[in-house]
């Protein structure tokens, strides 16, 4: 895909390190080996050094070029424990911190927080909560951002000539107006990562007052918040999907909008509509859905689906590395 060739060029030769807490999983091993062989990143595995090395060799993978950290035998462990306790501001004791850091997701997240690694990819065998919880507790959200969200990039067509961002389809079940505004801002940033000039549509069942409900009011308020705080973002709402996407419909329903009929970033009012929407586009529209891409964190942590394959791991690691450059 042209999209990933562009991202590869961005990250190649930058010396980026991506943590894989699930380093014994066959999908992770295969993807990490390709990423290393392609010169894109240095894979960082977590586990017993001897066991991980033997696993690599048994699969015909040269362990050179990989980094392996063992939480049970790591020279940095005491420093990591102290840093973790300080970061949690008294919410965990030293003993609790040591126990938590034996968990590969917590240990991996600390490697990212301490800038020993640049990002992390997990979720092949762990739940979303197992991946996201340490990130929220340790890395936390960017200044001014209160919530993490999950977006998909939807790609179709020759040379990826159709590229769109759908958010939030993964994290926030019923976002309020400020959270919806956070999602819109983060999704615009994600669009720019993929060389998309963001034109953000705040979706609803209503266009410019055609429907009345608290759900519509929430979308209108979120749009207002983004316009006030981020005037450089081209955004409009509330818009029905056809008004946001189809120029002829936009001329009828929202003739004064600079986004209607031209949108390429679509913000759904809740996770239910977002999840349904991206899967309809994927299954009926033959779009490739890549993600979810976690947005809003101080450093990139990505959550795989437990049903993902090696190619999914490979692509999400590339995206994570590209996020780290930002």
C-alpha atoms as a PDB file:
ATOM      1  CA  UNK A   1       0.000   0.000   0.000  1.00  0.00           C
ATOM      2  CA  UNK A   2       1.240   3.453  -0.916  1.00  0.00           C
ATOM      3  CA  UNK A   3       0.105   4.675   2.491  1.00  0.00           C
ATOM      4  CA  UNK A   4       2.559   2.414   4.290  1.00  0.00           C
ATOM      5  CA  UNK A   5       5.371   3.034   1.841  1.00  0.00           C
ATOM      6  CA  UNK A   6       5.129   6.705   2.824  1.00  0.00           C
ATOM      7  CA  UNK A   7       5.162   5.861   6.537  1.00  0.00           C
ATOM      8  CA  UNK A   8       8.114   3.507   6.050  1.00  0.00           C
ATOM      9  CA  UNK A   9      10.116   6.313   4.481  1.00  0.00           C
ATOM     10  CA  UNK A  10       9.324   8.532   7.455  1.00  0.00           C
ATOM     11  CA  UNK A  11      10.523   6.064  10.101  1.00  0.00           C
ATOM     12  CA  UNK A  12      13.359   4.314   8.255  1.00  0.00           C
ATOM     13  CA  UNK A  13      16.782   5.004   9.728  1.00  0.00           C
ATOM     14  CA  UNK A  14      15.406   6.925  12.707  1.00  0.00           C
ATOM     15  CA  UNK A  15      16.522   4.307  15.247  1.00  0.00           C
ATOM     16  CA  UNK A  16      13.055   3.947  16.735  1.00  0.00           C
ATOM     17  CA  UNK A  17      12.419   1.235  19.315  1.00  0.00           C
ATOM     18  CA  UNK A  18       8.982  -0.365  19.710  1.00  0.00           C
ATOM     19  CA  UNK A  19       8.099  -2.597  22.665  1.00  0.00           C
ATOM     20  CA  UNK A  20       6.238  -5.871  22.117  1.00  0.00           C
ATOM     21  CA  UNK A  21       5.175  -7.262  25.529  1.00  0.00           C
ATOM     22  CA  UNK A  22       3.866 -10.441  23.849  1.00  0.00           C
ATOM     23  CA  UNK A  23       7.164 -11.530  22.335  1.00  0.00           C
ATOM     24  CA  UNK A  24       6.455 -15.272  22.311  1.00  0.00           C
ATOM     25  CA  UNK A  25       3.337 -14.970  20.136  1.00  0.00           C
ATOM     26  CA  UNK A  26       3.948 -16.251  16.590  1.00  0.00           C
ATOM     27  CA  UNK A  27       2.254 -13.226  14.979  1.00  0.00           C
ATOM     28  CA  UNK A  28       4.390 -10.810  16.990  1.00  0.00           C
ATOM     29  CA  UNK A  29       7.579 -12.742  16.240  1.00  0.00           C
ATOM     30  CA  UNK A  30       6.908 -12.786  12.509  1.00  0.00           C
ATOM     31  CA  UNK A  31       6.039  -9.092  12.305  1.00  0.00           C
ATOM     32  CA  UNK A  32       8.939  -8.008  14.510  1.00  0.00           C
ATOM     33  CA  UNK A  33      11.375 -10.027  12.407  1.00  0.00           C
ATOM     34  CA  UNK A  34      10.124  -8.321   9.236  1.00  0.00           C
ATOM     35  CA  UNK A  35      10.284  -4.870  10.839  1.00  0.00           C
ATOM     36  CA  UNK A  36      13.842  -5.519  11.954  1.00  0.00           C
ATOM     37  CA  UNK A  37      14.888  -7.008   8.607  1.00  0.00           C
ATOM     38  CA  UNK A  38      13.379  -4.033   6.768  1.00  0.00           C
ATOM     39  CA  UNK A  39      15.426  -1.649   8.910  1.00  0.00           C
ATOM     40  CA  UNK A  40      12.342   0.139  10.176  1.00  0.00           C
ATOM     41  CA  UNK A  41      12.530  -0.313  13.954  1.00  0.00           C
ATOM     42  CA  UNK A  42      14.394  -2.125  16.692  1.00  0.00           C
ATOM     43  CA  UNK A  43      11.962  -4.575  18.320  1.00  0.00           C
ATOM     44  CA  UNK A  44      12.037  -4.690  22.130  1.00  0.00           C
ATOM     45  CA  UNK A  45      10.750  -7.893  23.754  1.00  0.00           C
ATOM     46  CA  UNK A  46       9.904  -8.479  27.410  1.00  0.00           C
ATOM     47  CA  UNK A  47      10.540 -11.806  29.115  1.00  0.00           C
ATOM     48  CA  UNK A  48      13.243 -14.195  30.213  1.00  0.00           C
ATOM     49  CA  UNK A  49      16.218 -13.456  27.963  1.00  0.00           C
ATOM     50  CA  UNK A  50      17.199 -17.113  27.517  1.00  0.00           C
ATOM     51  CA  UNK A  51      13.630 -18.240  26.769  1.00  0.00           C
ATOM     52  CA  UNK A  52      12.921 -15.415  24.316  1.00  0.00           C
ATOM     53  CA  UNK A  53      16.267 -15.933  22.553  1.00  0.00           C
ATOM     54  CA  UNK A  54      15.639 -19.660  22.221  1.00  0.00           C
ATOM     55  CA  UNK A  55      12.142 -18.990  20.888  1.00  0.00           C
ATOM     56  CA  UNK A  56      13.563 -16.668  18.235  1.00  0.00           C
ATOM     57  CA  UNK A  57      16.228 -19.169  17.192  1.00  0.00           C
ATOM     58  CA  UNK A  58      13.717 -22.058  17.119  1.00  0.00           C
ATOM     59  CA  UNK A  59      11.690 -20.061  14.579  1.00  0.00           C
ATOM     60  CA  UNK A  60      14.725 -19.360  12.430  1.00  0.00           C
ATOM     61  CA  UNK A  61      14.998 -15.736  13.555  1.00  0.00           C
ATOM     62  CA  UNK A  62      18.398 -14.201  14.258  1.00  0.00           C
ATOM     63  CA  UNK A  63      18.127 -12.537  17.702  1.00  0.00           C
ATOM     64  CA  UNK A  64      20.704  -9.907  16.743  1.00  0.00           C
ATOM     65  CA  UNK A  65      19.026  -6.552  16.350  1.00  0.00           C
ATOM     66  CA  UNK A  66      16.452  -7.339  19.041  1.00  0.00           C
ATOM     67  CA  UNK A  67      16.482  -5.999  22.592  1.00  0.00           C
ATOM     68  CA  UNK A  68      15.146  -8.158  25.421  1.00  0.00           C
ATOM     69  CA  UNK A  69      14.302  -6.987  28.945  1.00  0.00           C
ATOM     70  CA  UNK A  70      13.518  -9.351  31.791  1.00  0.00           C
ATOM     71  CA  UNK A  71      11.523  -7.680  34.604  1.00  0.00           C
ATOM     72  CA  UNK A  72      12.779 -10.369  36.993  1.00  0.00           C
ATOM     73  CA  UNK A  73      16.406  -9.605  36.222  1.00  0.00           C
ATOM     74  CA  UNK A  74      16.755  -6.022  35.079  1.00  0.00           C
ATOM     75  CA  UNK A  75      19.398  -3.570  36.268  1.00  0.00           C
ATOM     76  CA  UNK A  76      16.941  -0.705  35.808  1.00  0.00           C
ATOM     77  CA  UNK A  77      14.213  -2.286  37.941  1.00  0.00           C
ATOM     78  CA  UNK A  78      14.815  -0.255  41.116  1.00  0.00           C
ATOM     79  CA  UNK A  79      14.917   3.005  39.166  1.00  0.00           C
ATOM     80  CA  UNK A  80      11.769   2.006  37.300  1.00  0.00           C
ATOM     81  CA  UNK A  81      10.047   1.209  40.599  1.00  0.00           C
ATOM     82  CA  UNK A  82      10.943   4.601  42.082  1.00  0.00           C
ATOM     83  CA  UNK A  83       9.818   6.384  38.911  1.00  0.00           C
ATOM     84  CA  UNK A  84       6.550   4.459  38.876  1.00  0.00           C
ATOM     85  CA  UNK A  85       5.763   5.288  42.518  1.00  0.00           C
ATOM     86  CA  UNK A  86       6.509   8.949  41.848  1.00  0.00           C
ATOM     87  CA  UNK A  87       4.374   8.949  38.707  1.00  0.00           C
ATOM     88  CA  UNK A  88       1.410   7.415  40.542  1.00  0.00           C
ATOM     89  CA  UNK A  89       1.720  10.103  43.252  1.00  0.00           C
ATOM     90  CA  UNK A  90       1.159   7.930  46.266  1.00  0.00           C
ATOM     91  CA  UNK A  91      -1.517   5.691  44.738  1.00  0.00           C
ATOM     92  CA  UNK A  92       0.786   2.650  44.910  1.00  0.00           C
ATOM     93  CA  UNK A  93       3.368   1.545  47.438  1.00  0.00           C
ATOM     94  CA  UNK A  94       6.860   0.448  46.477  1.00  0.00           C
ATOM     95  CA  UNK A  95       5.889  -3.193  46.940  1.00  0.00           C
ATOM     96  CA  UNK A  96       2.772  -2.767  44.806  1.00  0.00           C
ATOM     97  CA  UNK A  97       4.837  -1.048  42.117  1.00  0.00           C
ATOM     98  CA  UNK A  98       7.338  -3.919  42.037  1.00  0.00           C
ATOM     99  CA  UNK A  99       4.526  -6.416  41.632  1.00  0.00           C
ATOM    100  CA  UNK A 100       2.827  -4.425  38.869  1.00  0.00           C
ATOM    101  CA  UNK A 101       6.092  -3.994  36.973  1.00  0.00           C
ATOM    102  CA  UNK A 102       6.388  -7.759  36.672  1.00  0.00           C
ATOM    103  CA  UNK A 103       3.425  -7.481  34.287  1.00  0.00           C
ATOM    104  CA  UNK A 104       4.823  -7.096  30.738  1.00  0.00           C
ATOM    105  CA  UNK A 105       2.353  -4.340  29.815  1.00  0.00           C
ATOM    106  CA  UNK A 106       3.255  -2.221  32.834  1.00  0.00           C
ATOM    107  CA  UNK A 107       6.966  -2.891  32.334  1.00  0.00           C
ATOM    108  CA  UNK A 108       6.726  -2.074  28.626  1.00  0.00           C
ATOM    109  CA  UNK A 109       4.789   1.111  29.301  1.00  0.00           C
ATOM    110  CA  UNK A 110       7.481   2.222  31.747  1.00  0.00           C
ATOM    111  CA  UNK A 111      10.135   1.667  29.076  1.00  0.00           C
ATOM    112  CA  UNK A 112       8.206   4.081  26.863  1.00  0.00           C
ATOM    113  CA  UNK A 113       7.612   6.600  29.659  1.00  0.00           C
ATOM    114  CA  UNK A 114      11.326   6.600  30.564  1.00  0.00           C
ATOM    115  CA  UNK A 115      12.188   7.065  26.858  1.00  0.00           C
ATOM    116  CA  UNK A 116      14.098   3.792  26.718  1.00  0.00           C
ATOM    117  CA  UNK A 117      11.683   2.893  23.907  1.00  0.00           C
ATOM    118  CA  UNK A 118       9.583   5.074  21.615  1.00  0.00           C
ATOM    119  CA  UNK A 119       6.252   3.238  21.627  1.00  0.00           C
ATOM    120  CA  UNK A 120       4.491  -0.013  22.432  1.00  0.00           C
ATOM    121  CA  UNK A 121       2.246  -2.464  20.580  1.00  0.00           C
ATOM    122  CA  UNK A 122       0.214  -4.942  22.637  1.00  0.00           C
ATOM    123  CA  UNK A 123      -3.164  -6.663  22.592  1.00  0.00           C
ATOM    124  CA  UNK A 124      -2.499  -9.821  20.581  1.00  0.00           C
ATOM    125  CA  UNK A 125      -3.218 -11.903  23.679  1.00  0.00           C
ATOM    126  CA  UNK A 126      -4.185  -9.161  26.160  1.00  0.00           C
ATOM    127  CA  UNK A 127      -7.459  -7.262  26.437  1.00  0.00           C
ATOM    128  CA  UNK A 128      -7.802  -3.593  25.508  1.00  0.00           C
ATOM    129  CA  UNK A 129      -8.080  -2.782  29.220  1.00  0.00           C
ATOM    130  CA  UNK A 130      -4.782  -4.581  29.926  1.00  0.00           C
ATOM    131  CA  UNK A 131      -3.082  -2.479  27.256  1.00  0.00           C
ATOM    132  CA  UNK A 132      -4.731   0.891  27.889  1.00  0.00           C
ATOM    133  CA  UNK A 133      -4.806   0.935  31.716  1.00  0.00           C
ATOM    134  CA  UNK A 134      -1.002   1.151  32.207  1.00  0.00           C
ATOM    135  CA  UNK A 135      -0.804   3.803  29.477  1.00  0.00           C
ATOM    136  CA  UNK A 136      -3.431   5.956  31.203  1.00  0.00           C
ATOM    137  CA  UNK A 137      -1.762   5.552  34.591  1.00  0.00           C
ATOM    138  CA  UNK A 138       1.831   6.115  33.489  1.00  0.00           C
ATOM    139  CA  UNK A 139       2.071   7.897  30.133  1.00  0.00           C
ATOM    140  CA  UNK A 140      -1.221   9.787  30.562  1.00  0.00           C
ATOM    141  CA  UNK A 141      -2.829  12.156  28.081  1.00  0.00           C
ATOM    142  CA  UNK A 142      -1.310  15.128  26.311  1.00  0.00           C
ATOM    143  CA  UNK A 143      -1.631  18.568  27.929  1.00  0.00           C
ATOM    144  CA  UNK A 144      -5.129  19.919  27.378  1.00  0.00           C
ATOM    145  CA  UNK A 145      -6.467  16.484  26.397  1.00  0.00           C
ATOM    146  CA  UNK A 146      -8.565  14.652  28.967  1.00  0.00           C
ATOM    147  CA  UNK A 147      -9.448  11.479  27.112  1.00  0.00           C
ATOM    148  CA  UNK A 148      -7.901   8.758  24.975  1.00  0.00           C
ATOM    149  CA  UNK A 149      -9.779   7.673  21.866  1.00  0.00           C
ATOM    150  CA  UNK A 150      -9.468   5.085  19.124  1.00  0.00           C
ATOM    151  CA  UNK A 151      -9.589   5.877  15.410  1.00  0.00           C
ATOM    152  CA  UNK A 152      -9.482   3.767  12.275  1.00  0.00           C
ATOM    153  CA  UNK A 153      -7.974   4.770   8.979  1.00  0.00           C
ATOM    154  CA  UNK A 154     -10.205   3.498   6.209  1.00  0.00           C
ATOM    155  CA  UNK A 155      -8.420   2.859   2.915  1.00  0.00           C
ATOM    156  CA  UNK A 156      -9.736   1.813  -0.498  1.00  0.00           C
ATOM    157  CA  UNK A 157      -8.887   2.173  -4.145  1.00  0.00           C
ATOM    158  CA  UNK A 158      -5.890   2.177  -6.400  1.00  0.00           C
ATOM    159  CA  UNK A 159      -2.841   3.762  -4.758  1.00  0.00           C
ATOM    160  CA  UNK A 160      -4.928   4.385  -1.592  1.00  0.00           C
ATOM    161  CA  UNK A 161      -6.687   7.282  -3.296  1.00  0.00           C
ATOM    162  CA  UNK A 162      -9.545   6.975  -0.811  1.00  0.00           C
ATOM    163  CA  UNK A 163      -8.381   7.599   2.761  1.00  0.00           C
ATOM    164  CA  UNK A 164     -10.617   8.577   5.667  1.00  0.00           C
ATOM    165  CA  UNK A 165     -10.398   8.707   9.454  1.00  0.00           C
ATOM    166  CA  UNK A 166     -13.260   7.321  11.585  1.00  0.00           C
ATOM    167  CA  UNK A 167     -13.330   8.095  15.314  1.00  0.00           C
ATOM    168  CA  UNK A 168     -14.042   7.145  18.058  1.00  0.00           C
ATOM    169  CA  UNK A 169     -14.810   3.520  17.250  1.00  0.00           C
ATOM    170  CA  UNK A 170     -13.050   1.794  20.135  1.00  0.00           C
ATOM    171  CA  UNK A 171     -12.785   3.498  23.527  1.00  0.00           C
ATOM    172  CA  UNK A 172     -15.434   6.037  24.635  1.00  0.00           C
ATOM    173  CA  UNK A 173     -18.895   4.497  24.864  1.00  0.00           C
ATOM    174  CA  UNK A 174     -21.001   7.648  25.326  1.00  0.00           C
ATOM    175  CA  UNK A 175     -18.696  10.663  25.095  1.00  0.00           C
ATOM    176  CA  UNK A 176     -19.919  14.030  26.379  1.00  0.00           C
ATOM    177  CA  UNK A 177     -19.317  17.230  24.402  1.00  0.00           C
ATOM    178  CA  UNK A 178     -15.787  17.955  25.764  1.00  0.00           C
ATOM    179  CA  UNK A 179     -14.734  14.346  25.123  1.00  0.00           C
ATOM    180  CA  UNK A 180     -16.193  14.485  21.621  1.00  0.00           C
ATOM    181  CA  UNK A 181     -14.179  17.654  21.039  1.00  0.00           C
ATOM    182  CA  UNK A 182     -11.013  15.867  22.217  1.00  0.00           C
ATOM    183  CA  UNK A 183     -11.755  13.035  19.789  1.00  0.00           C
ATOM    184  CA  UNK A 184     -12.164  15.494  16.917  1.00  0.00           C
ATOM    185  CA  UNK A 185      -8.867  17.267  17.626  1.00  0.00           C
ATOM    186  CA  UNK A 186      -6.949  14.007  18.044  1.00  0.00           C
ATOM    187  CA  UNK A 187      -8.473  12.563  14.868  1.00  0.00           C
ATOM    188  CA  UNK A 188      -7.421  15.645  12.905  1.00  0.00           C
ATOM    189  CA  UNK A 189      -3.854  15.071  14.132  1.00  0.00           C
ATOM    190  CA  UNK A 190      -4.054  11.417  13.105  1.00  0.00           C
ATOM    191  CA  UNK A 191      -5.250  12.459   9.647  1.00  0.00           C
ATOM    192  CA  UNK A 192      -2.215  14.693   9.215  1.00  0.00           C
ATOM    193  CA  UNK A 193       0.030  11.732  10.106  1.00  0.00           C
ATOM    194  CA  UNK A 194      -1.337   9.976   7.008  1.00  0.00           C
ATOM    195  CA  UNK A 195      -0.930  13.051   4.781  1.00  0.00           C
ATOM    196  CA  UNK A 196      -4.661  13.790   4.884  1.00  0.00           C
ATOM    197  CA  UNK A 197      -5.585  17.479   5.014  1.00  0.00           C
ATOM    198  CA  UNK A 198      -8.262  17.148   7.716  1.00  0.00           C
ATOM    199  CA  UNK A 199     -11.782  18.341   7.101  1.00  0.00           C
ATOM    200  CA  UNK A 200     -13.698  17.190  10.147  1.00  0.00           C
ATOM    201  CA  UNK A 201     -17.399  16.334  10.121  1.00  0.00           C
ATOM    202  CA  UNK A 202     -19.186  15.967  13.454  1.00  0.00           C
ATOM    203  CA  UNK A 203     -21.794  13.371  12.578  1.00  0.00           C
ATOM    204  CA  UNK A 204     -25.387  13.188  13.744  1.00  0.00           C
ATOM    205  CA  UNK A 205     -28.816  12.090  12.560  1.00  0.00           C
ATOM    206  CA  UNK A 206     -29.458  15.830  12.092  1.00  0.00           C
ATOM    207  CA  UNK A 207     -28.010  18.474   9.774  1.00  0.00           C
ATOM    208  CA  UNK A 208     -27.991  22.077  10.955  1.00  0.00           C
ATOM    209  CA  UNK A 209     -31.005  21.806  13.194  1.00  0.00           C
ATOM    210  CA  UNK A 210     -33.135  19.438  11.121  1.00  0.00           C
ATOM    211  CA  UNK A 211     -33.526  17.202  14.185  1.00  0.00           C
ATOM    212  CA  UNK A 212     -33.948  18.083  17.836  1.00  0.00           C
ATOM    213  CA  UNK A 213     -32.553  16.097  20.774  1.00  0.00           C
ATOM    214  CA  UNK A 214     -29.910  16.175  23.499  1.00  0.00           C
ATOM    215  CA  UNK A 215     -27.737  13.997  21.259  1.00  0.00           C
ATOM    216  CA  UNK A 216     -27.782  16.714  18.607  1.00  0.00           C
ATOM    217  CA  UNK A 217     -27.054  19.422  21.178  1.00  0.00           C
ATOM    218  CA  UNK A 218     -23.986  17.465  22.314  1.00  0.00           C
ATOM    219  CA  UNK A 219     -22.547  17.385  18.789  1.00  0.00           C
ATOM    220  CA  UNK A 220     -23.231  21.099  18.264  1.00  0.00           C
ATOM    221  CA  UNK A 221     -21.516  21.940  21.570  1.00  0.00           C
ATOM    222  CA  UNK A 222     -18.489  19.767  20.754  1.00  0.00           C
ATOM    223  CA  UNK A 223     -18.120  21.495  17.384  1.00  0.00           C
ATOM    224  CA  UNK A 224     -18.259  24.879  19.079  1.00  0.00           C
ATOM    225  CA  UNK A 225     -15.550  23.874  21.569  1.00  0.00           C
ATOM    226  CA  UNK A 226     -13.161  22.805  18.808  1.00  0.00           C
ATOM    227  CA  UNK A 227     -13.758  25.991  16.812  1.00  0.00           C
ATOM    228  CA  UNK A 228     -13.043  28.117  19.880  1.00  0.00           C
ATOM    229  CA  UNK A 229      -9.914  26.292  21.035  1.00  0.00           C
ATOM    230  CA  UNK A 230      -8.503  25.157  17.675  1.00  0.00           C
ATOM    231  CA  UNK A 231      -9.547  27.706  15.042  1.00  0.00           C
ATOM    232  CA  UNK A 232      -6.992  26.258  12.620  1.00  0.00           C
ATOM    233  CA  UNK A 233      -8.976  23.006  12.342  1.00  0.00           C
ATOM    234  CA  UNK A 234     -11.516  22.952   9.528  1.00  0.00           C
ATOM    235  CA  UNK A 235     -14.582  21.454  11.213  1.00  0.00           C
ATOM    236  CA  UNK A 236     -18.368  21.602  11.010  1.00  0.00           C
ATOM    237  CA  UNK A 237     -21.377  19.965  12.623  1.00  0.00           C
ATOM    238  CA  UNK A 238     -23.860  18.742  13.216  1.00  0.00           C
ATOM    239  CA  UNK A 239     -23.954  16.944   9.857  1.00  0.00           C
ATOM    240  CA  UNK A 240     -25.626  13.798   8.605  1.00  0.00           C
ATOM    241  CA  UNK A 241     -23.231  11.508   6.790  1.00  0.00           C
ATOM    242  CA  UNK A 242     -24.687  12.214   3.348  1.00  0.00           C
ATOM    243  CA  UNK A 243     -24.383  15.971   3.925  1.00  0.00           C
ATOM    244  CA  UNK A 244     -20.810  15.520   5.100  1.00  0.00           C
ATOM    245  CA  UNK A 245     -19.760  13.326   2.192  1.00  0.00           C
ATOM    246  CA  UNK A 246     -21.872  14.008  -0.916  1.00  0.00           C
ATOM    247  CA  UNK A 247     -21.390  17.441  -2.527  1.00  0.00           C
ATOM    248  CA  UNK A 248     -24.868  17.512  -4.079  1.00  0.00           C
ATOM    249  CA  UNK A 249     -26.511  16.744  -0.748  1.00  0.00           C
ATOM    250  CA  UNK A 250     -24.280  19.265   1.004  1.00  0.00           C
ATOM    251  CA  UNK A 251     -25.453  22.014  -1.329  1.00  0.00           C
ATOM    252  CA  UNK A 252     -29.029  21.253  -0.335  1.00  0.00           C
ATOM    253  CA  UNK A 253     -28.627  20.656   3.397  1.00  0.00           C
ATOM    254  CA  UNK A 254     -25.632  22.797   4.397  1.00  0.00           C
ATOM    255  CA  UNK A 255     -24.900  25.286   1.601  1.00  0.00           C
ATOM    256  CA  UNK A 256     -22.808  27.594   3.799  1.00  0.00           C
ATOM    257  CA  UNK A 257     -20.533  24.875   5.180  1.00  0.00           C
ATOM    258  CA  UNK A 258     -16.887  24.669   4.115  1.00  0.00           C
ATOM    259  CA  UNK A 259     -16.704  21.037   5.257  1.00  0.00           C
ATOM    260  CA  UNK A 260     -19.997  19.545   4.081  1.00  0.00           C
ATOM    261  CA  UNK A 261     -19.524  17.452   0.949  1.00  0.00           C
ATOM    262  CA  UNK A 262     -15.735  17.464   1.423  1.00  0.00           C
ATOM    263  CA  UNK A 263     -15.195  15.765   4.779  1.00  0.00           C
ATOM    264  CA  UNK A 264     -12.478  13.158   5.229  1.00  0.00           C
ATOM    265  CA  UNK A 265     -12.464  12.866   9.044  1.00  0.00           C
ATOM    266  CA  UNK A 266     -15.727  11.562  10.490  1.00  0.00           C
ATOM    267  CA  UNK A 267     -16.457  11.851  14.213  1.00  0.00           C
ATOM    268  CA  UNK A 268     -19.271   9.616  15.399  1.00  0.00           C
ATOM    269  CA  UNK A 269     -21.456  10.705  18.334  1.00  0.00           C
ATOM    270  CA  UNK A 270     -20.890   7.478  20.265  1.00  0.00           C
ATOM    271  CA  UNK A 271     -18.997   4.197  20.072  1.00  0.00           C
ATOM    272  CA  UNK A 272     -22.082   2.284  18.970  1.00  0.00           C
ATOM    273  CA  UNK A 273     -22.508   4.276  15.766  1.00  0.00           C
ATOM    274  CA  UNK A 274     -18.744   4.411  15.195  1.00  0.00           C
ATOM    275  CA  UNK A 275     -18.255   0.668  15.540  1.00  0.00           C
ATOM    276  CA  UNK A 276     -21.222  -0.087  13.290  1.00  0.00           C
ATOM    277  CA  UNK A 277     -20.136   2.530  10.771  1.00  0.00           C
ATOM    278  CA  UNK A 278     -16.587   1.355  10.261  1.00  0.00           C
ATOM    279  CA  UNK A 279     -17.663  -2.279   9.968  1.00  0.00           C
ATOM    280  CA  UNK A 280     -20.295  -1.428   7.340  1.00  0.00           C
ATOM    281  CA  UNK A 281     -17.634   0.428   5.341  1.00  0.00           C
ATOM    282  CA  UNK A 282     -15.259  -2.512   5.798  1.00  0.00           C
ATOM    283  CA  UNK A 283     -17.673  -5.319   4.916  1.00  0.00           C
ATOM    284  CA  UNK A 284     -19.989  -3.699   2.371  1.00  0.00           C
ATOM    285  CA  UNK A 285     -17.731  -0.965   1.026  1.00  0.00           C
ATOM    286  CA  UNK A 286     -14.569  -3.093   0.789  1.00  0.00           C
ATOM    287  CA  UNK A 287     -12.506  -0.601   2.760  1.00  0.00           C
ATOM    288  CA  UNK A 288      -9.510  -1.831   4.688  1.00  0.00           C
ATOM    289  CA  UNK A 289      -9.929  -0.786   8.326  1.00  0.00           C
ATOM    290  CA  UNK A 290      -6.561  -0.207  10.007  1.00  0.00           C
ATOM    291  CA  UNK A 291      -6.583   0.279  13.757  1.00  0.00           C
ATOM    292  CA  UNK A 292      -7.706   1.109  16.285  1.00  0.00           C
ATOM    293  CA  UNK A 293      -5.059   3.811  16.563  1.00  0.00           C
ATOM    294  CA  UNK A 294      -4.983   5.136  20.133  1.00  0.00           C
ATOM    295  CA  UNK A 295      -5.038   8.931  20.221  1.00  0.00           C
ATOM    296  CA  UNK A 296      -4.375  11.549  22.856  1.00  0.00           C
ATOM    297  CA  UNK A 297      -1.518   9.911  24.791  1.00  0.00           C
ATOM    298  CA  UNK A 298       1.800  11.609  25.553  1.00  0.00           C
ATOM    299  CA  UNK A 299       3.575   8.722  23.796  1.00  0.00           C
ATOM    300  CA  UNK A 300       2.176   6.107  21.416  1.00  0.00           C
ATOM    301  CA  UNK A 301       0.734   2.852  22.728  1.00  0.00           C
ATOM    302  CA  UNK A 302      -1.255   0.759  20.254  1.00  0.00           C
ATOM    303  CA  UNK A 303      -3.864  -1.888  20.944  1.00  0.00           C
ATOM    304  CA  UNK A 304      -4.116  -4.897  18.638  1.00  0.00           C
ATOM    305  CA  UNK A 305      -7.225  -6.964  18.194  1.00  0.00           C
ATOM    306  CA  UNK A 306      -6.796 -10.463  19.615  1.00  0.00           C
ATOM    307  CA  UNK A 307      -7.980 -11.672  16.205  1.00  0.00           C
ATOM    308  CA  UNK A 308      -5.211  -9.803  14.388  1.00  0.00           C
ATOM    309  CA  UNK A 309      -2.743 -11.468  12.050  1.00  0.00           C
ATOM    310  CA  UNK A 310       0.955 -10.894  11.413  1.00  0.00           C
ATOM    311  CA  UNK A 311       0.271  -8.246   8.766  1.00  0.00           C
ATOM    312  CA  UNK A 312      -1.923  -6.298  11.215  1.00  0.00           C
ATOM    313  CA  UNK A 313       0.914  -6.308  13.760  1.00  0.00           C
ATOM    314  CA  UNK A 314       3.399  -5.176  11.117  1.00  0.00           C
ATOM    315  CA  UNK A 315       1.236  -2.266   9.997  1.00  0.00           C
ATOM    316  CA  UNK A 316       0.233  -1.107  13.466  1.00  0.00           C
ATOM    317  CA  UNK A 317       3.880  -1.107  14.555  1.00  0.00           C
ATOM    318  CA  UNK A 318       4.718   1.135  11.592  1.00  0.00           C
ATOM    319  CA  UNK A 319       1.891   3.504  12.556  1.00  0.00           C
ATOM    320  CA  UNK A 320       3.073   3.510  16.183  1.00  0.00           C
ATOM    321  CA  UNK A 321       6.622   4.372  15.122  1.00  0.00           C
ATOM    322  CA  UNK A 322       5.314   7.179  12.897  1.00  0.00           C
ATOM    323  CA  UNK A 323       3.287   8.549  15.832  1.00  0.00           C
ATOM    324  CA  UNK A 324       6.473   8.569  17.907  1.00  0.00           C
ATOM    325  CA  UNK A 325       8.094  10.953  15.412  1.00  0.00           C
ATOM    326  CA  UNK A 326       5.380  13.494  16.207  1.00  0.00           C
END
